[in-house]
Amino acid sequence: MALEFTDTNFQETVLDSEQLAVVDFWAEWCGPCKMVGPIVEELATEYEGKAVIGKVNVDHNPEVSGKYGIRSIPTILFIKNGEIVDKHVGAIPKSALESKIQANL
């Protein structure tokens, strides 16, 4: 199951993680986010123990969303050792998302 990243836990769960973190910025009203959401959930299960995968609701977490300049959703950030190593804006098929995860593990 995908984790819920928030303004409060982002530093600890994402930036301080020793594993690759995959962060899906989304909102309930976003159509493309609804297509990406189930993919993120599947990958969170498949990569458990290898990567930290979760979601940030931009409406409820303006601090993190603002810090990373999230203007369009879904936006997926790949963060390793506290640094962004890859980014994707818009809907993305599972195979492409998996390739990005594999490339950054």
Protein backbone atom coordinates (compact mmCIF):
# COMPACT_ATOMS: atom_id res chain seq x y z
CA MET A 1 0.00 0.00 0.00
CA ALA A 2 1.28 3.46 -0.89
CA LEU A 3 2.31 5.65 2.02
CA GLU A 4 0.73 9.02 2.70
CA PHE A 5 3.41 11.70 2.67
CA THR A 6 2.51 14.98 4.38
CA ASP A 7 4.07 18.33 5.24
CA THR A 8 4.74 16.84 8.68
CA ASN A 9 6.39 13.52 7.73
CA PHE A 10 8.04 14.35 4.37
CA GLN A 11 11.51 15.05 5.79
CA GLU A 12 11.58 11.81 7.77
CA THR A 13 9.92 9.43 5.30
CA VAL A 14 11.23 10.79 1.99
CA LEU A 15 14.28 13.03 2.34
CA ASP A 16 15.93 11.03 5.14
CA SER A 17 15.15 7.64 3.54
CA GLU A 18 18.09 5.46 2.53
CA GLN A 19 15.93 4.02 -0.26
CA LEU A 20 14.65 5.58 -3.46
CA ALA A 21 11.46 7.53 -2.73
CA VAL A 22 8.76 7.78 -5.40
CA VAL A 23 6.35 10.61 -4.61
CA ASP A 24 3.06 11.06 -6.46
CA PHE A 25 1.65 14.58 -6.07
CA TRP A 26 -2.11 14.37 -6.66
CA ALA A 27 -5.57 15.71 -5.76
CA GLU A 28 -9.00 14.12 -5.48
CA TRP A 29 -10.45 16.31 -8.26
CA CYS A 30 -7.69 15.44 -10.78
CA GLY A 31 -8.79 13.06 -13.55
CA PRO A 32 -5.32 11.91 -14.67
CA CYS A 33 -4.39 11.40 -11.00
CA LYS A 34 -7.17 8.81 -10.77
CA MET A 35 -5.49 6.86 -13.58
CA VAL A 36 -2.03 6.99 -11.98
CA GLY A 37 -3.21 6.28 -8.41
CA PRO A 38 -3.86 2.54 -8.81
CA ILE A 39 -0.50 2.12 -10.57
CA VAL A 40 1.27 3.81 -7.65
CA GLU A 41 -0.57 1.50 -5.24
CA GLU A 42 0.52 -1.61 -7.20
CA LEU A 43 4.14 -0.48 -7.38
CA ALA A 44 4.19 0.31 -3.65
CA THR A 45 3.35 -3.33 -2.99
CA GLU A 46 5.72 -4.72 -5.63
CA TYR A 47 8.69 -2.62 -4.48
CA GLU A 48 8.10 -2.88 -0.73
CA GLY A 49 11.48 -3.06 0.99
CA LYS A 50 13.27 -1.73 -2.12
CA ALA A 51 11.72 1.73 -2.49
CA VAL A 52 9.51 4.06 -0.47
CA ILE A 53 6.46 4.81 -2.60
CA GLY A 54 3.64 7.13 -1.64
CA LYS A 55 1.43 10.09 -2.38
CA VAL A 56 1.11 13.75 -1.40
CA ASN A 57 -2.34 15.33 -1.61
CA VAL A 58 -1.49 18.83 -2.87
CA ASP A 59 -4.68 20.32 -1.41
CA HIS A 60 -3.80 19.15 2.12
CA ASN A 61 -0.01 19.65 1.97
CA PRO A 62 0.79 23.07 0.50
CA GLU A 63 4.23 23.31 2.15
CA VAL A 64 5.80 20.30 0.38
CA SER A 65 3.94 21.03 -2.86
CA GLY A 66 5.21 24.61 -2.85
CA LYS A 67 8.76 23.63 -1.95
CA TYR A 68 8.97 21.47 -5.08
CA GLY A 69 7.10 23.93 -7.30
CA ILE A 70 4.29 21.54 -8.14
CA ARG A 71 2.12 23.36 -10.71
CA SER A 72 0.63 20.44 -12.66
CA ILE A 73 -0.62 17.14 -11.32
CA PRO A 74 0.00 14.32 -11.33
CA THR A 75 3.69 15.03 -10.85
CA ILE A 76 5.91 12.15 -9.78
CA LEU A 77 9.27 12.89 -8.19
CA PHE A 78 12.01 10.31 -7.73
CA ILE A 79 14.12 11.30 -4.74
CA LYS A 80 17.32 9.59 -3.65
CA ASN A 81 19.55 10.77 -0.79
CA GLY A 82 17.35 13.87 -0.44
CA GLU A 83 17.86 14.93 -4.09
CA ILE A 84 15.50 14.74 -7.07
CA VAL A 85 16.98 12.23 -9.53
CA ASP A 86 14.04 12.08 -11.96
CA LYS A 87 10.64 13.67 -12.50
CA HIS A 88 7.53 13.01 -14.57
CA VAL A 89 4.56 15.33 -15.08
CA GLY A 90 1.24 13.90 -16.30
CA ALA A 91 -0.23 10.43 -16.58
CA ILE A 92 2.28 7.64 -17.14
CA PRO A 93 1.85 3.94 -17.95
CA LYS A 94 2.98 1.40 -15.36
CA SER A 95 5.79 0.08 -17.58
CA ALA A 96 7.34 3.55 -17.96
CA LEU A 97 7.07 4.23 -14.24
CA GLU A 98 8.69 0.86 -13.49
CA SER A 99 11.56 1.66 -15.86
CA LYS A 100 12.21 4.94 -14.04
CA ILE A 101 12.17 3.15 -10.67
CA GLN A 102 14.55 0.43 -11.90
CA ALA A 103 16.93 3.03 -13.35
CA ASN A 104 17.18 4.79 -9.99
CA LEU A 105 17.24 1.91 -7.50
